[in-house]
PDB file of N, CA and C in Angstrom:
ATOM      1  N   UNK A   1      76.655 -17.778  99.550  1.00  0.00           N
ATOM      2  CA  UNK A   1      77.457 -16.775  99.044  1.00  0.00           C
ATOM      3  C   UNK A   1      78.609 -17.359  98.234  1.00  0.00           C
ATOM      4  N   UNK A   2      78.833 -16.793  96.970  1.00  0.00           N
ATOM      5  CA  UNK A   2      79.900 -17.116  96.208  1.00  0.00           C
ATOM      6  C   UNK A   2      81.058 -16.166  96.230  1.00  0.00           C
ATOM      7  N   UNK A   3      82.374 -16.779  96.365  1.00  0.00           N
ATOM      8  CA  UNK A   3      83.469 -15.921  96.466  1.00  0.00           C
ATOM      9  C   UNK A   3      84.563 -16.305  95.488  1.00  0.00           C
ATOM     10  N   UNK A   4      85.339 -15.365  95.082  1.00  0.00           N
ATOM     11  CA  UNK A   4      86.634 -15.643  94.309  1.00  0.00           C
ATOM     12  C   UNK A   4      87.845 -15.102  95.183  1.00  0.00           C
ATOM     13  N   UNK A   5      88.877 -15.746  95.126  1.00  0.00           N
ATOM     14  CA  UNK A   5      90.094 -15.274  95.832  1.00  0.00           C
ATOM     15  C   UNK A   5      91.165 -14.808  94.804  1.00  0.00           C
ATOM     16  N   UNK A   6      91.858 -13.881  95.086  1.00  0.00           N
ATOM     17  CA  UNK A   6      92.891 -13.265  94.491  1.00  0.00           C
ATOM     18  C   UNK A   6      94.244 -13.279  95.361  1.00  0.00           C
ATOM     19  N   UNK A   7      95.089 -14.162  94.928  1.00  0.00           N
ATOM     20  CA  UNK A   7      96.299 -14.282  95.799  1.00  0.00           C
ATOM     21  C   UNK A   7      97.401 -13.368  95.169  1.00  0.00           C
ATOM     22  N   UNK A   8      97.574 -12.168  95.800  1.00  0.00           N
ATOM     23  CA  UNK A   8      98.461 -11.229  95.153  1.00  0.00           C
ATOM     24  C   UNK A   8      99.582 -10.756  96.125  1.00  0.00           C
ATOM     25  N   UNK A   9      99.549 -11.097  97.413  1.00  0.00           N
ATOM     26  CA  UNK A   9     100.414 -10.612  98.408  1.00  0.00           C
ATOM     27  C   UNK A   9     101.692 -11.454  98.256  1.00  0.00           C
ATOM     28  N   UNK A  10     102.905 -10.901  98.247  1.00  0.00           N
ATOM     29  CA  UNK A  10     104.106 -11.625  98.133  1.00  0.00           C
ATOM     30  C   UNK A  10     104.316 -12.311  99.464  1.00  0.00           C
ATOM     31  N   UNK A  11     105.213 -13.341  99.453  1.00  0.00           N
ATOM     32  CA  UNK A  11     105.524 -14.103 100.599  1.00  0.00           C
ATOM     33  C   UNK A  11     104.981 -15.439 100.533  1.00  0.00           C
ATOM     34  N   UNK A  12     104.306 -15.911 101.776  1.00  0.00           N
ATOM     35  CA  UNK A  12     103.865 -17.206 101.863  1.00  0.00           C
ATOM     36  C   UNK A  12     102.202 -17.238 101.786  1.00  0.00           C
ATOM     37  N   UNK A  13     101.646 -16.380 101.034  1.00  0.00           N
ATOM     38  CA  UNK A  13     100.174 -16.192 100.934  1.00  0.00           C
ATOM     39  C   UNK A  13      99.525 -17.587 100.567  1.00  0.00           C
ATOM     40  N   UNK A  14      99.947 -18.045  99.447  1.00  0.00           N
ATOM     41  CA  UNK A  14      99.234 -19.182  98.925  1.00  0.00           C
ATOM     42  C   UNK A  14      99.565 -20.425  99.705  1.00  0.00           C
ATOM     43  N   UNK A  15     100.891 -20.548 100.173  1.00  0.00           N
ATOM     44  CA  UNK A  15     101.208 -21.812 100.965  1.00  0.00           C
ATOM     45  C   UNK A  15     100.697 -21.756 102.370  1.00  0.00           C
ATOM     46  N   UNK A  16     100.528 -20.599 102.930  1.00  0.00           N
ATOM     47  CA  UNK A  16     100.033 -20.486 104.479  1.00  0.00           C
ATOM     48  C   UNK A  16      98.529 -20.278 104.379  1.00  0.00           C
ATOM     49  N   UNK A  17      98.063 -19.264 103.880  1.00  0.00           N
ATOM     50  CA  UNK A  17      96.611 -18.956 103.891  1.00  0.00           C
ATOM     51  C   UNK A  17      95.796 -19.973 103.123  1.00  0.00           C
ATOM     52  N   UNK A  18      96.292 -20.233 101.974  1.00  0.00           N
ATOM     53  CA  UNK A  18      95.411 -21.313 101.215  1.00  0.00           C
ATOM     54  C   UNK A  18      95.623 -22.752 101.746  1.00  0.00           C
ATOM     55  N   UNK A  19      96.987 -23.075 101.854  1.00  0.00           N
ATOM     56  CA  UNK A  19      97.321 -24.341 102.273  1.00  0.00           C
ATOM     57  C   UNK A  19      96.976 -24.797 103.684  1.00  0.00           C
ATOM     58  N   UNK A  20      96.983 -23.798 104.556  1.00  0.00           N
ATOM     59  CA  UNK A  20      96.662 -24.213 105.918  1.00  0.00           C
ATOM     60  C   UNK A  20      95.306 -23.720 106.478  1.00  0.00           C
ATOM     61  N   UNK A  21      94.716 -22.833 105.714  1.00  0.00           N
ATOM     62  CA  UNK A  21      93.385 -22.355 106.201  1.00  0.00           C
ATOM     63  C   UNK A  21      92.175 -22.696 105.166  1.00  0.00           C
ATOM     64  N   UNK A  22      92.334 -22.222 104.001  1.00  0.00           N
ATOM     65  CA  UNK A  22      91.241 -22.283 103.060  1.00  0.00           C
ATOM     66  C   UNK A  22      91.078 -23.722 102.485  1.00  0.00           C
ATOM     67  N   UNK A  23      92.200 -24.241 102.104  1.00  0.00           N
ATOM     68  CA  UNK A  23      92.095 -25.615 101.373  1.00  0.00           C
ATOM     69  C   UNK A  23      91.541 -26.731 102.457  1.00  0.00           C
ATOM     70  N   UNK A  24      92.107 -26.762 103.610  1.00  0.00           N
ATOM     71  CA  UNK A  24      91.457 -27.848 104.488  1.00  0.00           C
ATOM     72  C   UNK A  24      90.041 -27.590 104.649  1.00  0.00           C
ATOM     73  N   UNK A  25      89.516 -26.462 104.703  1.00  0.00           N
ATOM     74  CA  UNK A  25      88.097 -26.097 104.904  1.00  0.00           C
ATOM     75  C   UNK A  25      87.401 -26.647 103.688  1.00  0.00           C
ATOM     76  N   UNK A  26      87.955 -26.303 102.515  1.00  0.00           N
ATOM     77  CA  UNK A  26      87.198 -26.786 101.285  1.00  0.00           C
ATOM     78  C   UNK A  26      87.293 -28.376 101.242  1.00  0.00           C
ATOM     79  N   UNK A  27      88.364 -28.980 101.595  1.00  0.00           N
ATOM     80  CA  UNK A  27      88.309 -30.479 101.616  1.00  0.00           C
ATOM     81  C   UNK A  27      87.392 -31.053 102.523  1.00  0.00           C
ATOM     82  N   UNK A  28      87.171 -30.300 103.644  1.00  0.00           N
ATOM     83  CA  UNK A  28      86.247 -30.860 104.759  1.00  0.00           C
ATOM     84  C   UNK A  28      84.847 -30.488 104.513  1.00  0.00           C
ATOM     85  N   UNK A  29      84.529 -29.665 103.476  1.00  0.00           N
ATOM     86  CA  UNK A  29      83.109 -29.141 103.331  1.00  0.00           C
ATOM     87  C   UNK A  29      82.730 -28.053 104.368  1.00  0.00           C
ATOM     88  N   UNK A  30      83.663 -27.398 104.926  1.00  0.00           N
ATOM     89  CA  UNK A  30      83.241 -26.495 105.933  1.00  0.00           C
ATOM     90  C   UNK A  30      83.612 -25.062 105.728  1.00  0.00           C
ATOM     91  N   UNK A  31      83.940 -24.673 104.528  1.00  0.00           N
ATOM     92  CA  UNK A  31      84.475 -23.233 104.181  1.00  0.00           C
ATOM     93  C   UNK A  31      83.572 -22.207 104.488  1.00  0.00           C
ATOM     94  N   UNK A  32      82.214 -22.579 104.226  1.00  0.00           N
ATOM     95  CA  UNK A  32      81.143 -21.549 104.647  1.00  0.00           C
ATOM     96  C   UNK A  32      80.625 -20.726 103.355  1.00  0.00           C
ATOM     97  N   UNK A  33      81.419 -20.836 102.233  1.00  0.00           N
ATOM     98  CA  UNK A  33      81.048 -19.992 101.095  1.00  0.00           C
ATOM     99  C   UNK A  33      81.436 -20.967  99.866  1.00  0.00           C
ATOM    100  N   UNK A  34      80.765 -20.757  98.783  1.00  0.00           N
ATOM    101  CA  UNK A  34      81.014 -21.536  97.645  1.00  0.00           C
ATOM    102  C   UNK A  34      82.096 -20.694  96.813  1.00  0.00           C
ATOM    103  N   UNK A  35      83.275 -21.317  96.620  1.00  0.00           N
ATOM    104  CA  UNK A  35      84.422 -20.732  95.945  1.00  0.00           C
ATOM    105  C   UNK A  35      84.239 -21.018  94.507  1.00  0.00           C
ATOM    106  N   UNK A  36      84.241 -19.927  93.664  1.00  0.00           N
ATOM    107  CA  UNK A  36      83.960 -20.093  92.135  1.00  0.00           C
ATOM    108  C   UNK A  36      85.285 -19.831  91.398  1.00  0.00           C
ATOM    109  N   UNK A  37      86.330 -19.246  92.054  1.00  0.00           N
ATOM    110  CA  UNK A  37      87.491 -18.998  91.316  1.00  0.00           C
ATOM    111  C   UNK A  37      88.640 -18.504  92.224  1.00  0.00           C
ATOM    112  N   UNK A  38      89.880 -18.826  91.729  1.00  0.00           N
ATOM    113  CA  UNK A  38      91.174 -18.464  92.427  1.00  0.00           C
ATOM    114  C   UNK A  38      92.086 -17.822  91.278  1.00  0.00           C
ATOM    115  N   UNK A  39      92.631 -16.512  91.585  1.00  0.00           N
ATOM    116  CA  UNK A  39      93.586 -15.976  90.657  1.00  0.00           C
ATOM    117  C   UNK A  39      94.922 -15.880  91.350  1.00  0.00           C
ATOM    118  N   UNK A  40      95.973 -16.263  90.864  1.00  0.00           N
ATOM    119  CA  UNK A  40      97.267 -16.306  91.449  1.00  0.00           C
ATOM    120  C   UNK A  40      98.258 -15.321  90.702  1.00  0.00           C
ATOM    121  N   UNK A  41      98.939 -14.554  91.536  1.00  0.00           N
ATOM    122  CA  UNK A  41      99.906 -13.477  90.939  1.00  0.00           C
ATOM    123  C   UNK A  41     101.265 -13.798  91.617  1.00  0.00           C
ATOM    124  N   UNK A  42     102.250 -13.186  90.954  1.00  0.00           N
ATOM    125  CA  UNK A  42     103.642 -13.280  91.515  1.00  0.00           C
ATOM    126  C   UNK A  42     104.080 -14.674  91.829  1.00  0.00           C
ATOM    127  N   UNK A  43     104.913 -14.741  92.991  1.00  0.00           N
ATOM    128  CA  UNK A  43     105.330 -16.177  93.414  1.00  0.00           C
ATOM    129  C   UNK A  43     104.231 -17.078  93.820  1.00  0.00           C
ATOM    130  N   UNK A  44     102.928 -16.615  94.146  1.00  0.00           N
ATOM    131  CA  UNK A  44     101.988 -17.422  94.533  1.00  0.00           C
ATOM    132  C   UNK A  44     101.611 -18.526  93.393  1.00  0.00           C
ATOM    133  N   UNK A  45     102.043 -18.243  92.111  1.00  0.00           N
ATOM    134  CA  UNK A  45     101.842 -19.147  90.977  1.00  0.00           C
ATOM    135  C   UNK A  45     102.633 -20.363  91.340  1.00  0.00           C
ATOM    136  N   UNK A  46     103.750 -20.457  92.090  1.00  0.00           N
ATOM    137  CA  UNK A  46     104.514 -21.672  92.288  1.00  0.00           C
ATOM    138  C   UNK A  46     103.740 -22.750  92.963  1.00  0.00           C
ATOM    139  N   UNK A  47     102.664 -22.354  93.724  1.00  0.00           N
ATOM    140  CA  UNK A  47     101.760 -23.392  94.384  1.00  0.00           C
ATOM    141  C   UNK A  47     101.210 -24.313  93.376  1.00  0.00           C
ATOM    142  N   UNK A  48     101.025 -23.843  92.191  1.00  0.00           N
ATOM    143  CA  UNK A  48     100.291 -24.654  91.037  1.00  0.00           C
ATOM    144  C   UNK A  48     101.217 -25.491  90.241  1.00  0.00           C
ATOM    145  N   UNK A  49     102.520 -25.431  90.678  1.00  0.00           N
ATOM    146  CA  UNK A  49     103.524 -26.423  89.852  1.00  0.00           C
ATOM    147  C   UNK A  49     103.126 -27.985  90.035  1.00  0.00           C
ATOM    148  N   UNK A  50     103.112 -28.644  88.898  1.00  0.00           N
ATOM    149  CA  UNK A  50     102.889 -30.075  89.034  1.00  0.00           C
ATOM    150  C   UNK A  50     103.881 -30.651  90.127  1.00  0.00           C
ATOM    151  N   UNK A  51     103.241 -31.551  91.011  1.00  0.00           N
ATOM    152  CA  UNK A  51     103.978 -32.109  91.939  1.00  0.00           C
ATOM    153  C   UNK A  51     103.981 -31.441  93.404  1.00  0.00           C
ATOM    154  N   UNK A  52     103.548 -30.108  93.339  1.00  0.00           N
ATOM    155  CA  UNK A  52     103.501 -29.451  94.640  1.00  0.00           C
ATOM    156  C   UNK A  52     102.312 -30.176  95.431  1.00  0.00           C
ATOM    157  N   UNK A  53     102.552 -30.511  96.629  1.00  0.00           N
ATOM    158  CA  UNK A  53     101.587 -31.149  97.513  1.00  0.00           C
ATOM    159  C   UNK A  53     100.234 -30.379  97.657  1.00  0.00           C
ATOM    160  N   UNK A  54     100.559 -29.089  97.923  1.00  0.00           N
ATOM    161  CA  UNK A  54      99.275 -28.197  98.086  1.00  0.00           C
ATOM    162  C   UNK A  54      98.610 -27.892  96.813  1.00  0.00           C
ATOM    163  N   UNK A  55      99.341 -27.784  95.643  1.00  0.00           N
ATOM    164  CA  UNK A  55      98.694 -27.608  94.397  1.00  0.00           C
ATOM    165  C   UNK A  55      97.954 -28.816  93.958  1.00  0.00           C
ATOM    166  N   UNK A  56      98.546 -29.995  94.140  1.00  0.00           N
ATOM    167  CA  UNK A  56      97.927 -31.221  93.732  1.00  0.00           C
ATOM    168  C   UNK A  56      96.479 -31.324  94.457  1.00  0.00           C
ATOM    169  N   UNK A  57      96.603 -31.087  95.836  1.00  0.00           N
ATOM    170  CA  UNK A  57      95.248 -31.046  96.604  1.00  0.00           C
ATOM    171  C   UNK A  57      94.251 -30.116  96.065  1.00  0.00           C
ATOM    172  N   UNK A  58      94.751 -28.965  95.852  1.00  0.00           N
ATOM    173  CA  UNK A  58      93.909 -27.958  95.253  1.00  0.00           C
ATOM    174  C   UNK A  58      93.277 -28.369  93.931  1.00  0.00           C
ATOM    175  N   UNK A  59      94.105 -28.913  93.008  1.00  0.00           N
ATOM    176  CA  UNK A  59      93.635 -29.305  91.745  1.00  0.00           C
ATOM    177  C   UNK A  59      92.371 -30.188  91.861  1.00  0.00           C
ATOM    178  N   UNK A  60      92.655 -31.214  92.789  1.00  0.00           N
ATOM    179  CA  UNK A  60      91.582 -32.236  93.167  1.00  0.00           C
ATOM    180  C   UNK A  60      90.247 -31.546  93.494  1.00  0.00           C
ATOM    181  N   UNK A  61      90.382 -30.604  94.570  1.00  0.00           N
ATOM    182  CA  UNK A  61      89.185 -29.847  95.076  1.00  0.00           C
ATOM    183  C   UNK A  61      88.619 -29.069  93.998  1.00  0.00           C
ATOM    184  N   UNK A  62      89.448 -28.442  93.229  1.00  0.00           N
ATOM    185  CA  UNK A  62      88.955 -27.524  92.138  1.00  0.00           C
ATOM    186  C   UNK A  62      88.117 -28.280  91.175  1.00  0.00           C
ATOM    187  N   UNK A  63      88.522 -29.527  90.827  1.00  0.00           N
ATOM    188  CA  UNK A  63      87.770 -30.275  89.954  1.00  0.00           C
ATOM    189  C   UNK A  63      86.491 -30.725  90.479  1.00  0.00           C
ATOM    190  N   UNK A  64      86.421 -31.190  91.742  1.00  0.00           N
ATOM    191  CA  UNK A  64      85.337 -31.716  92.419  1.00  0.00           C
ATOM    192  C   UNK A  64      84.322 -30.584  92.560  1.00  0.00           C
ATOM    193  N   UNK A  65      84.823 -29.315  92.909  1.00  0.00           N
ATOM    194  CA  UNK A  65      83.925 -28.203  93.353  1.00  0.00           C
ATOM    195  C   UNK A  65      83.805 -27.180  92.240  1.00  0.00           C
ATOM    196  N   UNK A  66      84.236 -27.524  90.999  1.00  0.00           N
ATOM    197  CA  UNK A  66      84.148 -26.531  89.771  1.00  0.00           C
ATOM    198  C   UNK A  66      84.731 -25.171  90.164  1.00  0.00           C
ATOM    199  N   UNK A  67      85.871 -25.233  90.774  1.00  0.00           N
ATOM    200  CA  UNK A  67      86.686 -23.957  91.049  1.00  0.00           C
ATOM    201  C   UNK A  67      87.572 -23.582  89.887  1.00  0.00           C
ATOM    202  N   UNK A  68      87.556 -22.297  89.336  1.00  0.00           N
ATOM    203  CA  UNK A  68      88.458 -21.860  88.331  1.00  0.00           C
ATOM    204  C   UNK A  68      89.755 -21.562  88.933  1.00  0.00           C
ATOM    205  N   UNK A  69      90.901 -22.173  88.511  1.00  0.00           N
ATOM    206  CA  UNK A  69      92.168 -21.791  88.879  1.00  0.00           C
ATOM    207  C   UNK A  69      92.889 -21.126  87.788  1.00  0.00           C
ATOM    208  N   UNK A  70      93.320 -19.901  88.013  1.00  0.00           N
ATOM    209  CA  UNK A  70      94.033 -19.103  86.904  1.00  0.00           C
ATOM    210  C   UNK A  70      95.180 -18.446  87.420  1.00  0.00           C
ATOM    211  N   UNK A  71      96.217 -18.406  86.513  1.00  0.00           N
ATOM    212  CA  UNK A  71      97.433 -17.708  86.963  1.00  0.00           C
ATOM    213  C   UNK A  71      97.604 -16.463  85.960  1.00  0.00           C
ATOM    214  N   UNK A  72      98.032 -15.462  86.542  1.00  0.00           N
ATOM    215  CA  UNK A  72      98.379 -14.147  85.688  1.00  0.00           C
ATOM    216  C   UNK A  72      99.367 -14.600  84.544  1.00  0.00           C
ATOM    217  N   UNK A  73      99.016 -14.307  83.359  1.00  0.00           N
ATOM    218  CA  UNK A  73      99.896 -14.881  82.198  1.00  0.00           C
ATOM    219  C   UNK A  73     101.268 -14.216  82.313  1.00  0.00           C
ATOM    220  N   UNK A  74     101.512 -13.017  82.637  1.00  0.00           N
ATOM    221  CA  UNK A  74     102.800 -12.426  82.651  1.00  0.00           C
ATOM    222  C   UNK A  74     103.683 -13.083  83.879  1.00  0.00           C
ATOM    223  N   UNK A  75     102.945 -13.200  85.023  1.00  0.00           N
ATOM    224  CA  UNK A  75     103.691 -13.861  86.193  1.00  0.00           C
ATOM    225  C   UNK A  75     104.058 -15.330  85.776  1.00  0.00           C
ATOM    226  N   UNK A  76     103.102 -15.992  85.190  1.00  0.00           N
ATOM    227  CA  UNK A  76     103.348 -17.318  84.860  1.00  0.00           C
ATOM    228  C   UNK A  76     104.490 -17.587  83.873  1.00  0.00           C
ATOM    229  N   UNK A  77     104.617 -16.638  82.848  1.00  0.00           N
ATOM    230  CA  UNK A  77     105.638 -16.690  81.904  1.00  0.00           C
ATOM    231  C   UNK A  77     106.956 -16.401  82.542  1.00  0.00           C
ATOM    232  N   UNK A  78     106.997 -15.417  83.439  1.00  0.00           N
ATOM    233  CA  UNK A  78     108.299 -15.085  84.109  1.00  0.00           C
ATOM    234  C   UNK A  78     108.833 -16.277  85.026  1.00  0.00           C
ATOM    235  N   UNK A  79     107.901 -16.973  85.358  1.00  0.00           N
ATOM    236  CA  UNK A  79     108.280 -18.068  86.359  1.00  0.00           C
ATOM    237  C   UNK A  79     108.386 -19.493  85.574  1.00  0.00           C
ATOM    238  N   UNK A  80     108.256 -19.461  84.308  1.00  0.00           N
ATOM    239  CA  UNK A  80     108.429 -20.752  83.554  1.00  0.00           C
ATOM    240  C   UNK A  80     107.369 -21.575  83.724  1.00  0.00           C
ATOM    241  N   UNK A  81     106.066 -21.217  84.101  1.00  0.00           N
ATOM    242  CA  UNK A  81     104.835 -21.975  84.233  1.00  0.00           C
ATOM    243  C   UNK A  81     103.891 -21.839  83.033  1.00  0.00           C
ATOM    244  N   UNK A  82     104.270 -20.958  81.974  1.00  0.00           N
ATOM    245  CA  UNK A  82     103.503 -20.809  80.793  1.00  0.00           C
ATOM    246  C   UNK A  82     104.532 -20.608  79.695  1.00  0.00           C
ATOM    247  N   UNK A  83     103.986 -20.861  78.495  1.00  0.00           N
ATOM    248  CA  UNK A  83     104.766 -20.688  77.211  1.00  0.00           C
ATOM    249  C   UNK A  83     103.894 -19.731  76.346  1.00  0.00           C
ATOM    250  N   UNK A  84     104.544 -18.986  75.530  1.00  0.00           N
ATOM    251  CA  UNK A  84     103.864 -18.193  74.474  1.00  0.00           C
ATOM    252  C   UNK A  84     104.169 -16.708  74.782  1.00  0.00           C
ATOM    253  N   UNK A  85     103.181 -15.857  74.638  1.00  0.00           N
ATOM    254  CA  UNK A  85     103.372 -14.361  75.028  1.00  0.00           C
ATOM    255  C   UNK A  85     102.177 -13.994  75.737  1.00  0.00           C
ATOM    256  N   UNK A  86     102.426 -12.800  76.609  1.00  0.00           N
ATOM    257  CA  UNK A  86     101.184 -12.221  77.242  1.00  0.00           C
ATOM    258  C   UNK A  86     100.045 -12.147  76.317  1.00  0.00           C
ATOM    259  N   UNK A  87      98.909 -12.584  76.698  1.00  0.00           N
ATOM    260  CA  UNK A  87      97.661 -12.463  75.920  1.00  0.00           C
ATOM    261  C   UNK A  87      97.499 -13.653  75.031  1.00  0.00           C
ATOM    262  N   UNK A  88      98.518 -14.483  74.915  1.00  0.00           N
ATOM    263  CA  UNK A  88      98.338 -15.692  74.112  1.00  0.00           C
ATOM    264  C   UNK A  88      99.417 -16.643  74.546  1.00  0.00           C
ATOM    265  N   UNK A  89      99.066 -17.295  75.728  1.00  0.00           N
ATOM    266  CA  UNK A  89     100.041 -18.335  76.292  1.00  0.00           C
ATOM    267  C   UNK A  89      99.267 -19.470  76.760  1.00  0.00           C
ATOM    268  N   UNK A  90      99.948 -20.620  77.131  1.00  0.00           N
ATOM    269  CA  UNK A  90      99.330 -21.753  77.643  1.00  0.00           C
ATOM    270  C   UNK A  90     100.261 -22.199  78.865  1.00  0.00           C
ATOM    271  N   UNK A  91      99.578 -22.930  79.777  1.00  0.00           N
ATOM    272  CA  UNK A  91     100.296 -23.383  80.917  1.00  0.00           C
ATOM    273  C   UNK A  91     101.391 -24.523  80.621  1.00  0.00           C
ATOM    274  N   UNK A  92     102.322 -24.663  81.443  1.00  0.00           N
ATOM    275  CA  UNK A  92     103.300 -25.799  81.252  1.00  0.00           C
ATOM    276  C   UNK A  92     103.802 -26.119  82.626  1.00  0.00           C
ATOM    277  N   UNK A  93     103.834 -27.459  82.882  1.00  0.00           N
ATOM    278  CA  UNK A  93     104.384 -27.868  84.218  1.00  0.00           C
ATOM    279  C   UNK A  93     103.519 -27.456  85.370  1.00  0.00           C
ATOM    280  N   UNK A  94     102.243 -27.329  85.232  1.00  0.00           N
ATOM    281  CA  UNK A  94     101.316 -27.061  86.329  1.00  0.00           C
ATOM    282  C   UNK A  94     100.446 -28.401  86.697  1.00  0.00           C
ATOM    283  N   UNK A  95      99.729 -28.237  87.787  1.00  0.00           N
ATOM    284  CA  UNK A  95      98.708 -29.250  88.089  1.00  0.00           C
ATOM    285  C   UNK A  95      97.679 -29.164  87.012  1.00  0.00           C
ATOM    286  N   UNK A  96      96.881 -30.149  86.996  1.00  0.00           N
ATOM    287  CA  UNK A  96      95.786 -30.248  86.130  1.00  0.00           C
ATOM    288  C   UNK A  96      94.677 -29.054  86.241  1.00  0.00           C
ATOM    289  N   UNK A  97      94.114 -28.661  85.084  1.00  0.00           N
ATOM    290  CA  UNK A  97      93.009 -27.806  85.156  1.00  0.00           C
ATOM    291  C   UNK A  97      93.417 -26.340  85.293  1.00  0.00           C
ATOM    292  N   UNK A  98      94.661 -25.863  85.415  1.00  0.00           N
ATOM    293  CA  UNK A  98      95.061 -24.605  85.557  1.00  0.00           C
ATOM    294  C   UNK A  98      94.966 -23.684  84.208  1.00  0.00           C
ATOM    295  N   UNK A  99      94.302 -22.527  84.341  1.00  0.00           N
ATOM    296  CA  UNK A  99      94.186 -21.620  83.162  1.00  0.00           C
ATOM    297  C   UNK A  99      95.139 -20.504  83.292  1.00  0.00           C
ATOM    298  N   UNK A 100      95.569 -19.858  82.247  1.00  0.00           N
ATOM    299  CA  UNK A 100      96.367 -18.698  82.375  1.00  0.00           C
ATOM    300  C   UNK A 100      95.826 -17.580  81.620  1.00  0.00           C
ATOM    301  N   UNK A 101      95.834 -16.286  82.114  1.00  0.00           N
ATOM    302  CA  UNK A 101      95.413 -15.251  81.419  1.00  0.00           C
ATOM    303  C   UNK A 101      95.409 -14.056  82.227  1.00  0.00           C
ATOM    304  N   UNK A 102      94.765 -13.013  81.841  1.00  0.00           N
ATOM    305  CA  UNK A 102      94.833 -11.608  82.407  1.00  0.00           C
ATOM    306  C   UNK A 102      93.308 -11.324  82.858  1.00  0.00           C
ATOM    307  N   UNK A 103      93.287 -10.080  83.421  1.00  0.00           N
ATOM    308  CA  UNK A 103      91.844  -9.868  83.945  1.00  0.00           C
ATOM    309  C   UNK A 103      90.592 -10.075  82.954  1.00  0.00           C
ATOM    310  N   UNK A 104      90.757  -9.691  81.742  1.00  0.00           N
ATOM    311  CA  UNK A 104      89.724  -9.839  80.741  1.00  0.00           C
ATOM    312  C   UNK A 104      89.304 -11.450  80.673  1.00  0.00           C
ATOM    313  N   UNK A 105      90.480 -12.291  80.858  1.00  0.00           N
ATOM    314  CA  UNK A 105      90.095 -13.712  80.706  1.00  0.00           C
ATOM    315  C   UNK A 105      89.494 -14.213  82.020  1.00  0.00           C
ATOM    316  N   UNK A 106      89.856 -13.695  83.223  1.00  0.00           N
ATOM    317  CA  UNK A 106      89.227 -13.849  84.246  1.00  0.00           C
ATOM    318  C   UNK A 106      87.790 -13.644  84.411  1.00  0.00           C
ATOM    319  N   UNK A 107      87.520 -12.443  83.999  1.00  0.00           N
ATOM    320  CA  UNK A 107      86.138 -11.948  83.871  1.00  0.00           C
ATOM    321  C   UNK A 107      85.299 -12.843  83.065  1.00  0.00           C
ATOM    322  N   UNK A 108      85.811 -13.136  81.785  1.00  0.00           N
ATOM    323  CA  UNK A 108      85.029 -14.028  80.922  1.00  0.00           C
ATOM    324  C   UNK A 108      84.818 -15.366  81.502  1.00  0.00           C
ATOM    325  N   UNK A 109      85.838 -15.990  82.170  1.00  0.00           N
ATOM    326  CA  UNK A 109      85.813 -17.265  82.738  1.00  0.00           C
ATOM    327  C   UNK A 109      84.712 -17.305  83.927  1.00  0.00           C
ATOM    328  N   UNK A 110      84.597 -16.221  84.618  1.00  0.00           N
ATOM    329  CA  UNK A 110      83.682 -16.253  85.761  1.00  0.00           C
ATOM    330  C   UNK A 110      82.312 -15.633  85.380  1.00  0.00           C
ATOM    331  N   UNK A 111      82.135 -15.239  84.239  1.00  0.00           N
ATOM    332  CA  UNK A 111      80.874 -14.614  83.789  1.00  0.00           C
ATOM    333  C   UNK A 111      79.628 -15.557  83.993  1.00  0.00           C
ATOM    334  N   UNK A 112      79.775 -16.798  83.745  1.00  0.00           N
ATOM    335  CA  UNK A 112      78.728 -17.697  83.835  1.00  0.00           C
ATOM    336  C   UNK A 112      78.330 -18.081  85.284  1.00  0.00           C
ATOM    337  N   UNK A 113      79.397 -17.764  86.160  1.00  0.00           N
ATOM    338  CA  UNK A 113      79.148 -18.151  87.714  1.00  0.00           C
ATOM    339  C   UNK A 113      79.860 -17.023  88.460  1.00  0.00           C
ATOM    340  N   UNK A 114      79.340 -15.833  88.334  1.00  0.00           N
ATOM    341  CA  UNK A 114      80.080 -14.715  89.001  1.00  0.00           C
ATOM    342  C   UNK A 114      80.074 -14.880  90.552  1.00  0.00           C
ATOM    343  N   UNK A 115      81.162 -14.364  91.164  1.00  0.00           N
ATOM    344  CA  UNK A 115      81.183 -14.240  92.591  1.00  0.00           C
ATOM    345  C   UNK A 115      80.437 -13.164  93.130  1.00  0.00           C
ATOM    346  N   UNK A 116      79.966 -13.242  94.322  1.00  0.00           N
ATOM    347  CA  UNK A 116      79.275 -12.174  95.133  1.00  0.00           C
ATOM    348  C   UNK A 116      80.336 -11.161  95.693  1.00  0.00           C
ATOM    349  N   UNK A 117      81.428 -11.863  96.052  1.00  0.00           N
ATOM    350  CA  UNK A 117      82.555 -11.126  96.800  1.00  0.00           C
ATOM    351  C   UNK A 117      83.925 -11.589  96.209  1.00  0.00           C
ATOM    352  N   UNK A 118      84.800 -10.677  96.010  1.00  0.00           N
ATOM    353  CA  UNK A 118      86.159 -10.998  95.659  1.00  0.00           C
ATOM    354  C   UNK A 118      87.040 -10.642  96.883  1.00  0.00           C
ATOM    355  N   UNK A 119      87.805 -11.542  97.321  1.00  0.00           N
ATOM    356  CA  UNK A 119      88.755 -11.435  98.425  1.00  0.00           C
ATOM    357  C   UNK A 119      90.172 -11.471  98.011  1.00  0.00           C
ATOM    358  N   UNK A 120      90.857 -10.408  98.271  1.00  0.00           N
ATOM    359  CA  UNK A 120      92.361 -10.334  97.958  1.00  0.00           C
ATOM    360  C   UNK A 120      93.155 -10.747  99.161  1.00  0.00           C
ATOM    361  N   UNK A 121      94.096 -11.713  98.911  1.00  0.00           N
ATOM    362  CA  UNK A 121      94.900 -12.026 100.080  1.00  0.00           C
ATOM    363  C   UNK A 121      96.442 -11.863  99.473  1.00  0.00           C
TER     364      UNK A 121
END
């Protein structure tokens, strides 16, 4: 089964659920599903800052396992993790391999390898 995660809940969703549960499972090859993408909203974007220990680990796993990492463009712009304007921006100061966009960009990026399930955390 292929899954995509949407990190939308405020608080410590990315640092706790991703950092302490999902990421270790992915690193150890025991997650149980193929993760094809992760979309980050609100403060969850901060996990993708360059130098963040969880973000750096995630970037390595994402590259190894072909996992799309994408930040909401408006959320990233508000947090200084992208430059430009909504609909036309690029990441800045993030770990390697992070994309930025909105739902149409996410759909297009996952079209060639769509998930069977989307899980919102």
